[in-house]
């Protein structure tokens, strides 16, 4: 496969077969540099050459809206062509990204997580400190992607997660969601729903999608490890060990989720969890975040306006809170031409700092913005409103899972939780394996 530096040769057209689209590039990069497209649009280069931006991203929930934005940007900047490939949901984005780079088919813009990913990809990340988006980023949102004083990633947005619940079912069951602050409160709600599941038309109160290792190993685990690392992703990243200080409550949460879940939980994937079960009112609760709103709205628009987020608390420590953080960062590949790098920066600036970009971020993407200058009164969907309310009221905890050893959250913790849910391991064994693997990875 061709690497980024080989994309343009001579004055002819080079076609390379890709997994999503076929790239066509004209002109000789060594003789004529492309005139990069900015937020206000620029003229073509002297050769009339089009700059191509290849984007490889993970968020399946806004795939259609993102592609529509790209088409709009192309219409406003005729010297820019944007190719988008989305790999996410049940697929391993990290493995797919490594495959992209190893094959030589490197994207111009791609996604990285927190400090673990920054360290892994540091030689393939451009310093974005000079972008307007970096200048407008909210305090703290750049921390996970900053190394040696360089901003190596721009935040996607702010996201939060907890237990998504169906307000109509809760009301019919006589459950006051505002009183649910602790794990005991959550368990009592599950018991009530279970006792009335036939009259409520439920298959079960809960859907634990344990097949998705990121749901349990990254997100569930984070809810009970954040306090151990003082809600500081860098402390998690620098720690040589993990103690599971709140492991007993972590176990209790998994037990509640599994006991009252559609079974077998280890067979439930994201599609079944959200599209089939929750969106169709077959379960009243499931662990997810505000990113699921577009999916729910596409399946059941009426339900989408009647949902909310419950806490995943550590009793006596983080009661009434949800984890909120930056889910991913946009990185820009420095291995492309000067024009490709600049065009990539300009596109991201357009997305987050222009008035039209801000409108799209709020209204089309349904994002909670990680940047200044947004009219947050326009946050429209109920899950994002809940996240923003938790955030502004200070009822949030951190996203320390971005500082886990690479692969540990899913391939170790998530996989061990699957064994526990299946009755093939004790909780003590889950913790022992996870502690050992963490220490090994940090040696």
Protein backbone atom coordinates (compact mmCIF):
# COMPACT_ATOMS: atom_id res chain seq x y z
CA UNK A 1 0.00 0.00 0.00
CA UNK A 2 1.08 3.57 -0.55
CA UNK A 3 2.12 5.76 2.32
CA UNK A 4 1.09 9.40 2.70
CA UNK A 5 4.28 10.71 1.10
CA UNK A 6 3.67 8.60 -2.01
CA UNK A 7 0.07 9.69 -2.67
CA UNK A 8 0.98 12.26 -5.31
CA UNK A 9 3.34 11.33 -8.15
CA UNK A 10 3.89 13.19 -11.43
CA UNK A 11 1.02 15.00 -13.10
CA UNK A 12 -1.05 11.90 -13.68
CA UNK A 13 -3.69 10.33 -11.50
CA UNK A 14 -2.75 7.56 -9.09
CA UNK A 15 -5.52 5.25 -7.98
CA UNK A 16 -5.14 3.20 -4.82
CA UNK A 17 -7.80 0.75 -3.66
CA UNK A 18 -8.94 1.53 -0.13
CA UNK A 19 -11.41 -0.08 2.21
CA UNK A 20 -13.91 2.78 1.97
CA UNK A 21 -13.14 4.85 -1.09
CA UNK A 22 -10.68 5.28 -3.95
CA UNK A 23 -8.29 8.19 -3.70
CA UNK A 24 -7.34 10.21 -6.76
CA UNK A 25 -4.64 12.85 -6.44
CA UNK A 26 -3.12 15.08 -9.10
CA UNK A 27 0.05 17.08 -9.40
CA UNK A 28 3.57 16.81 -8.12
CA UNK A 29 3.77 17.70 -4.42
CA UNK A 30 7.48 18.40 -4.71
CA UNK A 31 6.85 21.08 -7.34
CA UNK A 32 3.50 22.59 -6.39
CA UNK A 33 2.10 22.81 -2.86
CA UNK A 34 -1.65 22.78 -2.47
CA UNK A 35 -3.30 25.94 -1.25
CA UNK A 36 -4.98 24.67 1.91
CA UNK A 37 -8.64 25.34 2.50
CA UNK A 38 -9.45 27.49 5.49
CA UNK A 39 -12.66 28.19 7.33
CA UNK A 40 -13.41 31.01 4.92
CA UNK A 41 -12.29 29.05 1.87
CA UNK A 42 -9.19 29.64 -0.29
CA UNK A 43 -8.29 29.53 -3.94
CA UNK A 44 -6.91 26.41 -5.57
CA UNK A 45 -3.18 26.01 -5.94
CA UNK A 46 -1.49 27.11 -9.12
CA UNK A 47 -2.04 23.69 -10.68
CA UNK A 48 -5.71 23.60 -9.72
CA UNK A 49 -4.87 20.63 -7.52
CA UNK A 50 -7.38 19.32 -5.00
CA UNK A 51 -6.20 18.55 -1.49
CA UNK A 52 -7.56 15.27 -0.15
CA UNK A 53 -8.15 14.74 3.56
CA UNK A 54 -8.58 11.12 4.64
CA UNK A 55 -10.41 10.87 7.97
CA UNK A 56 -10.51 7.63 9.96
CA UNK A 57 -12.85 7.95 12.93
CA UNK A 58 -14.63 5.80 15.48
CA UNK A 59 -17.97 7.40 16.34
CA UNK A 60 -20.67 5.45 14.51
CA UNK A 61 -23.46 7.43 16.18
CA UNK A 62 -22.83 10.58 14.14
CA UNK A 63 -21.49 8.96 10.97
CA UNK A 64 -24.26 10.23 8.68
CA UNK A 65 -24.22 13.75 10.12
CA UNK A 66 -20.41 13.91 9.86
CA UNK A 67 -20.47 12.82 6.24
CA UNK A 68 -23.10 15.48 5.51
CA UNK A 69 -20.83 18.10 7.10
CA UNK A 70 -17.96 16.94 4.91
CA UNK A 71 -20.07 17.41 1.77
CA UNK A 72 -21.06 20.89 2.91
CA UNK A 73 -17.42 21.77 3.59
CA UNK A 74 -16.41 20.53 0.14
CA UNK A 75 -19.09 22.70 -1.44
CA UNK A 76 -17.71 25.74 0.37
CA UNK A 77 -14.06 24.81 -0.29
CA UNK A 78 -13.87 23.39 -3.79
CA UNK A 79 -10.16 22.65 -3.56
CA UNK A 80 -10.73 20.15 -0.73
CA UNK A 81 -11.92 16.54 -1.01
CA UNK A 82 -12.79 14.72 2.22
CA UNK A 83 -12.88 10.93 2.51
CA UNK A 84 -14.36 9.52 5.73
CA UNK A 85 -14.10 5.99 7.02
CA UNK A 86 -15.87 5.06 10.25
CA UNK A 87 -14.92 2.02 12.31
CA UNK A 88 -16.58 1.69 15.69
CA UNK A 89 -19.53 0.19 17.52
CA UNK A 90 -18.65 -3.47 17.91
CA UNK A 91 -15.37 -3.14 15.99
CA UNK A 92 -11.92 -2.57 17.49
CA UNK A 93 -10.96 0.90 16.32
CA UNK A 94 -7.50 0.76 17.88
CA UNK A 95 -6.59 -2.43 16.02
CA UNK A 96 -8.03 -1.04 12.78
CA UNK A 97 -5.98 2.14 13.15
CA UNK A 98 -2.77 0.17 13.66
CA UNK A 99 -3.60 -1.82 10.55
CA UNK A 100 -4.07 1.41 8.60
CA UNK A 101 -0.63 2.66 9.53
CA UNK A 102 1.14 -0.67 9.10
CA UNK A 103 -0.32 -1.05 5.59
CA UNK A 104 0.94 2.39 4.62
CA UNK A 105 -2.60 3.65 4.11
CA UNK A 106 -2.26 6.40 6.71
CA UNK A 107 -5.16 8.79 7.38
CA UNK A 108 -4.67 12.54 7.64
CA UNK A 109 -7.02 12.88 10.60
CA UNK A 110 -7.66 10.10 13.09
CA UNK A 111 -8.73 9.50 16.67
CA UNK A 112 -6.64 8.95 19.78
CA UNK A 113 -7.63 8.40 23.37
CA UNK A 114 -5.79 9.84 26.36
CA UNK A 115 -2.14 9.82 27.41
CA UNK A 116 -1.59 6.13 26.66
CA UNK A 117 -2.54 6.69 23.01
CA UNK A 118 -0.57 9.93 22.82
CA UNK A 119 2.57 8.09 23.92
CA UNK A 120 1.88 5.29 21.44
CA UNK A 121 1.26 7.60 18.46
CA UNK A 122 3.48 10.54 19.37
CA UNK A 123 5.64 10.25 16.24
CA UNK A 124 2.51 10.40 14.09
CA UNK A 125 0.89 13.43 15.70
CA UNK A 126 1.15 17.06 14.63
CA UNK A 127 1.43 19.84 17.20
CA UNK A 128 -1.96 21.57 17.04
CA UNK A 129 -1.14 24.34 19.50
CA UNK A 130 -1.44 26.93 16.74
CA UNK A 131 -5.04 26.04 15.86
CA UNK A 132 -7.95 28.24 16.86
CA UNK A 133 -9.72 25.14 18.22
CA UNK A 134 -6.90 24.56 20.71
CA UNK A 135 -7.18 28.20 21.77
CA UNK A 136 -10.94 27.85 22.32
CA UNK A 137 -10.88 24.49 24.15
CA UNK A 138 -12.42 24.51 27.63
CA UNK A 139 -10.08 24.37 30.60
CA UNK A 140 -8.89 20.82 31.27
CA UNK A 141 -10.11 19.32 28.01
CA UNK A 142 -6.64 19.31 26.40
CA UNK A 143 -4.84 17.68 29.32
CA UNK A 144 -5.15 14.10 28.12
CA UNK A 145 -3.65 14.92 24.71
CA UNK A 146 -0.88 17.32 25.73
CA UNK A 147 2.72 16.14 25.94
CA UNK A 148 5.87 18.18 26.50
CA UNK A 149 3.86 21.36 26.11
CA UNK A 150 2.48 20.36 22.71
CA UNK A 151 -1.24 19.94 22.02
CA UNK A 152 -1.34 16.68 20.05
CA UNK A 153 -5.09 16.21 19.94
CA UNK A 154 -8.26 18.33 19.84
CA UNK A 155 -11.22 17.15 21.94
CA UNK A 156 -14.23 15.67 20.16
CA UNK A 157 -16.73 16.91 22.72
CA UNK A 158 -17.73 16.35 26.32
CA UNK A 159 -19.63 13.15 27.06
CA UNK A 160 -21.11 11.59 30.12
CA UNK A 161 -22.55 8.22 30.88
CA UNK A 162 -24.54 6.45 33.52
CA UNK A 163 -27.64 4.30 33.55
CA UNK A 164 -29.95 5.45 30.75
CA UNK A 165 -33.55 4.98 31.82
CA UNK A 166 -37.04 5.12 30.32
CA UNK A 167 -38.98 7.83 32.15
CA UNK A 168 -42.42 6.56 31.12
CA UNK A 169 -41.74 3.05 32.44
CA UNK A 170 -40.36 4.44 35.69
CA UNK A 171 -43.46 6.59 36.12
CA UNK A 172 -45.77 3.66 35.41
CA UNK A 173 -43.85 1.55 37.94
CA UNK A 174 -44.10 4.32 40.55
CA UNK A 175 -40.35 4.95 40.74
CA UNK A 176 -39.07 8.46 41.40
CA UNK A 177 -35.80 8.62 39.47
CA UNK A 178 -34.65 11.75 41.30
CA UNK A 179 -34.29 9.73 44.52
CA UNK A 180 -31.80 7.27 43.00
CA UNK A 181 -28.39 8.32 44.30
CA UNK A 182 -26.77 5.10 45.55
CA UNK A 183 -26.26 1.51 44.40
CA UNK A 184 -28.84 0.43 46.96
CA UNK A 185 -31.34 2.86 45.40
CA UNK A 186 -30.55 1.44 41.96
CA UNK A 187 -31.03 -2.11 43.22
CA UNK A 188 -34.41 -1.23 44.74
CA UNK A 189 -35.54 0.27 41.44
CA UNK A 190 -34.46 -2.90 39.61
CA UNK A 191 -36.39 -5.06 42.09
CA UNK A 192 -39.53 -2.99 41.63
CA UNK A 193 -39.28 -3.18 37.85
CA UNK A 194 -38.64 -6.91 38.00
CA UNK A 195 -41.75 -7.48 40.13
CA UNK A 196 -43.86 -5.62 37.56
CA UNK A 197 -42.12 -6.59 34.35
CA UNK A 198 -45.09 -8.46 32.89
CA UNK A 199 -47.51 -5.58 33.31
CA UNK A 200 -44.83 -3.16 32.08
CA UNK A 201 -44.12 -5.29 29.01
CA UNK A 202 -40.46 -5.76 29.91
CA UNK A 203 -38.20 -8.66 29.03
CA UNK A 204 -36.11 -7.61 32.03
CA UNK A 205 -35.39 -4.39 33.94
CA UNK A 206 -31.84 -4.07 32.59
CA UNK A 207 -29.68 -4.85 29.55
CA UNK A 208 -26.07 -5.58 30.47
CA UNK A 209 -24.20 -5.68 27.15
CA UNK A 210 -21.27 -7.67 28.55
CA UNK A 211 -20.27 -8.79 25.05
CA UNK A 212 -18.99 -5.25 24.52
CA UNK A 213 -15.75 -5.20 26.51
CA UNK A 214 -15.56 -1.41 26.41
CA UNK A 215 -18.88 -1.10 28.22
CA UNK A 216 -17.77 -3.17 31.20
CA UNK A 217 -13.98 -2.96 31.18
CA UNK A 218 -13.65 0.71 30.30
CA UNK A 219 -16.84 2.45 31.40
CA UNK A 220 -18.10 0.31 34.28
CA UNK A 221 -14.56 -0.07 35.58
CA UNK A 222 -13.91 3.66 35.36
CA UNK A 223 -16.91 4.46 37.54
CA UNK A 224 -15.30 2.56 40.41
CA UNK A 225 -11.63 3.34 39.74
CA UNK A 226 -11.95 7.10 39.28
CA UNK A 227 -11.96 7.79 43.03
CA UNK A 228 -8.91 5.56 43.49
CA UNK A 229 -6.99 7.86 41.14
CA UNK A 230 -8.58 11.11 42.40
CA UNK A 231 -10.43 11.57 39.10
CA UNK A 232 -7.06 12.32 37.48
CA UNK A 233 -6.27 10.54 34.22
CA UNK A 234 -2.57 11.33 34.59
CA UNK A 235 -2.45 9.66 38.00
CA UNK A 236 -3.90 6.53 36.44
CA UNK A 237 -1.41 6.78 33.59
CA UNK A 238 1.55 7.16 35.96
CA UNK A 239 0.44 4.49 38.46
CA UNK A 240 2.43 1.25 38.54
CA UNK A 241 -0.41 -0.59 40.28
CA UNK A 242 -4.17 -0.71 40.64
CA UNK A 243 -5.72 -1.65 44.00
CA UNK A 244 -9.47 -1.88 43.33
CA UNK A 245 -10.03 0.19 46.44
CA UNK A 246 -13.76 0.17 45.72
CA UNK A 247 -13.86 -3.31 44.22
CA UNK A 248 -16.65 -4.50 46.53
CA UNK A 249 -19.01 -1.84 45.19
CA UNK A 250 -17.85 -2.50 41.63
CA UNK A 251 -18.86 -6.13 42.13
CA UNK A 252 -22.21 -5.05 43.55
CA UNK A 253 -22.92 -2.93 40.48
CA UNK A 254 -22.06 -5.77 38.09
CA UNK A 255 -24.21 -8.14 40.16
CA UNK A 256 -27.22 -5.80 40.01
CA UNK A 257 -26.76 -5.24 36.29
CA UNK A 258 -26.43 -8.94 35.54
CA UNK A 259 -29.09 -10.31 37.90
CA UNK A 260 -31.77 -8.07 36.42
CA UNK A 261 -30.55 -8.25 32.81
CA UNK A 262 -31.84 -9.96 29.70
CA UNK A 263 -29.80 -13.15 29.46
CA UNK A 264 -27.27 -14.29 28.49
CA UNK A 265 -25.60 -10.95 29.16
CA UNK A 266 -22.39 -12.08 27.49
CA UNK A 267 -24.29 -12.39 24.21
CA UNK A 268 -25.73 -8.87 24.26
CA UNK A 269 -23.95 -6.45 21.94
CA UNK A 270 -24.48 -2.73 21.39
CA UNK A 271 -27.10 -3.21 18.68
CA UNK A 272 -29.21 -5.56 20.79
CA UNK A 273 -28.78 -3.41 23.88
CA UNK A 274 -29.82 -0.10 22.33
CA UNK A 275 -31.63 -0.73 19.07
CA UNK A 276 -33.59 -3.87 19.92
CA UNK A 277 -34.13 -3.80 23.68
CA UNK A 278 -33.96 -0.29 25.10
CA UNK A 279 -35.32 1.62 22.11
CA UNK A 280 -38.30 -0.73 21.88
CA UNK A 281 -39.17 -0.54 25.59
CA UNK A 282 -38.14 -4.13 26.33
CA UNK A 283 -35.84 -2.98 29.14
CA UNK A 284 -36.12 0.09 31.33
CA UNK A 285 -32.41 0.65 32.06
CA UNK A 286 -29.03 0.14 30.46
CA UNK A 287 -25.55 1.55 30.96
CA UNK A 288 -24.73 4.01 28.20
CA UNK A 289 -24.05 7.70 27.56
CA UNK A 290 -25.47 10.67 25.75
CA UNK A 291 -23.90 9.47 22.49
CA UNK A 292 -26.72 6.91 22.08
CA UNK A 293 -29.40 9.56 21.60
CA UNK A 294 -29.25 9.66 17.77
CA UNK A 295 -29.61 5.88 17.62
CA UNK A 296 -32.59 5.84 19.96
CA UNK A 297 -34.18 8.73 18.09
CA UNK A 298 -33.84 6.91 14.78
CA UNK A 299 -35.54 3.80 16.17
CA UNK A 300 -38.17 5.39 18.42
CA UNK A 301 -38.46 9.19 18.17
CA UNK A 302 -41.19 9.33 20.83
CA UNK A 303 -39.07 7.49 23.39
CA UNK A 304 -36.02 9.60 22.58
CA UNK A 305 -37.63 12.63 24.21
CA UNK A 306 -38.50 10.72 27.37
CA UNK A 307 -35.17 9.33 28.63
CA UNK A 308 -32.62 10.37 31.22
CA UNK A 309 -29.39 9.45 33.01
CA UNK A 310 -29.09 7.88 36.45
CA UNK A 311 -25.83 7.82 38.46
CA UNK A 312 -23.31 4.98 38.70
CA UNK A 313 -22.17 5.82 42.23
CA UNK A 314 -19.64 4.66 44.77
CA UNK A 315 -21.81 4.71 47.87
CA UNK A 316 -20.58 7.24 50.39
CA UNK A 317 -17.99 8.60 47.96
CA UNK A 318 -19.47 9.63 44.61
CA UNK A 319 -23.21 9.43 45.23
CA UNK A 320 -25.41 11.17 42.69
CA UNK A 321 -22.65 11.56 40.10
CA UNK A 322 -21.89 10.42 36.58
CA UNK A 323 -18.48 10.17 34.86
CA UNK A 324 -17.93 13.02 32.39
CA UNK A 325 -14.95 13.55 30.13
CA UNK A 326 -13.50 13.83 26.64
CA UNK A 327 -14.19 10.56 24.78
CA UNK A 328 -11.59 10.94 22.03
CA UNK A 329 -9.30 13.46 20.41
CA UNK A 330 -8.68 14.35 16.79
CA UNK A 331 -5.06 13.83 15.81
CA UNK A 332 -3.48 15.12 12.60
CA UNK A 333 -0.88 13.02 10.80
CA UNK A 334 2.36 14.95 10.11
CA UNK A 335 3.45 12.46 7.43
CA UNK A 336 1.31 13.99 4.70
CA UNK A 337 2.19 16.95 2.54
CA UNK A 338 2.32 20.45 4.00
CA UNK A 339 -0.97 21.20 2.24
CA UNK A 340 -2.67 18.11 3.68
CA UNK A 341 -1.57 18.93 7.21
CA UNK A 342 -2.76 22.53 6.92
CA UNK A 343 -6.05 21.53 5.31
CA UNK A 344 -6.65 19.07 8.15
CA UNK A 345 -6.10 21.80 10.75
CA UNK A 346 -8.38 24.16 8.85
CA UNK A 347 -11.16 21.59 8.69
CA UNK A 348 -11.06 21.02 12.44
CA UNK A 349 -11.03 24.77 13.08
CA UNK A 350 -14.06 25.12 10.81
CA UNK A 351 -15.87 22.38 12.70
CA UNK A 352 -15.42 23.82 16.18
CA UNK A 353 -14.85 27.56 15.87
CA UNK A 354 -16.98 28.94 13.01
CA UNK A 355 -20.62 29.87 13.51
CA UNK A 356 -21.82 27.23 11.05
CA UNK A 357 -19.59 24.60 12.61
CA UNK A 358 -20.90 25.44 16.07
CA UNK A 359 -24.47 25.12 14.82
CA UNK A 360 -23.74 21.70 13.37
CA UNK A 361 -21.97 20.54 16.53
CA UNK A 362 -24.96 21.50 18.69
CA UNK A 363 -27.93 20.81 16.44
CA UNK A 364 -26.83 18.03 14.08
CA UNK A 365 -24.19 16.15 16.06
CA UNK A 366 -26.04 16.69 19.37
CA UNK A 367 -22.67 17.23 21.07
CA UNK A 368 -22.02 18.83 24.43
CA UNK A 369 -19.24 21.17 23.23
CA UNK A 370 -15.72 21.07 24.65
CA UNK A 371 -15.05 24.60 23.40
CA UNK A 372 -15.89 28.18 24.33
CA UNK A 373 -18.36 30.40 22.53
CA UNK A 374 -21.34 28.06 22.26
CA UNK A 375 -24.95 28.82 23.11
CA UNK A 376 -25.46 25.90 25.48
CA UNK A 377 -29.14 26.76 25.73
CA UNK A 378 -29.38 25.07 22.35
CA UNK A 379 -28.29 21.69 23.69
CA UNK A 380 -31.36 19.85 22.55
CA UNK A 381 -31.53 16.18 23.46
CA UNK A 382 -32.45 15.06 27.00
CA UNK A 383 -29.33 12.95 27.61
CA UNK A 384 -26.97 15.77 26.65
CA UNK A 385 -29.02 18.15 28.78
CA UNK A 386 -28.61 15.77 31.72
CA UNK A 387 -24.85 15.55 31.12
CA UNK A 388 -24.59 19.33 30.98
CA UNK A 389 -26.64 19.66 34.17
CA UNK A 390 -24.48 17.16 36.05
CA UNK A 391 -21.42 19.00 34.70
CA UNK A 392 -22.51 22.53 35.62
CA UNK A 393 -23.71 21.43 39.07
CA UNK A 394 -20.39 19.75 39.81
CA UNK A 395 -21.88 16.27 40.11
CA UNK A 396 -19.32 14.54 37.94
CA UNK A 397 -16.34 12.21 38.26
CA UNK A 398 -13.40 11.69 35.90
CA UNK A 399 -12.56 9.51 32.93
CA UNK A 400 -9.43 7.82 34.23
CA UNK A 401 -9.82 4.87 31.86
CA UNK A 402 -7.98 6.94 29.26
CA UNK A 403 -4.92 6.36 31.47
CA UNK A 404 -5.22 2.56 31.72
CA UNK A 405 -2.39 0.48 30.27
CA UNK A 406 -3.01 -0.11 26.57
CA UNK A 407 -5.59 -2.85 26.09
CA UNK A 408 -6.00 -3.49 29.82
CA UNK A 409 -9.54 -2.16 30.16
CA UNK A 410 -11.05 -4.33 27.45
CA UNK A 411 -8.77 -7.32 26.97
CA UNK A 412 -8.07 -7.86 30.67
CA UNK A 413 -10.78 -6.30 32.86
CA UNK A 414 -13.64 -6.62 30.37
CA UNK A 415 -12.69 -10.18 29.49
CA UNK A 416 -12.46 -11.16 33.17
CA UNK A 417 -15.87 -9.63 33.86
CA UNK A 418 -17.26 -11.83 31.09
CA UNK A 419 -15.88 -14.85 32.93
CA UNK A 420 -17.43 -13.62 36.19
CA UNK A 421 -20.83 -13.02 34.58
CA UNK A 422 -20.68 -16.53 33.11
CA UNK A 423 -19.88 -18.04 36.52
CA UNK A 424 -16.41 -19.08 35.35
CA UNK A 425 -14.45 -16.87 37.76
CA UNK A 426 -14.89 -15.39 41.21
CA UNK A 427 -14.72 -11.64 41.73
CA UNK A 428 -11.48 -12.12 43.67
CA UNK A 429 -10.03 -13.80 40.58
CA UNK A 430 -11.20 -10.91 38.41
CA UNK A 431 -9.34 -8.45 40.59
CA UNK A 432 -6.23 -10.60 40.96
CA UNK A 433 -5.82 -11.10 37.21
CA UNK A 434 -6.46 -7.41 36.55
CA UNK A 435 -3.98 -6.26 39.21
CA UNK A 436 -1.28 -8.59 37.92
CA UNK A 437 -1.71 -7.58 34.31
CA UNK A 438 -1.71 -3.85 35.16
CA UNK A 439 1.59 -4.23 37.06
CA UNK A 440 3.12 -6.27 34.20
CA UNK A 441 2.14 -3.65 31.63
CA UNK A 442 3.70 -0.89 33.72
CA UNK A 443 7.06 -2.59 34.35
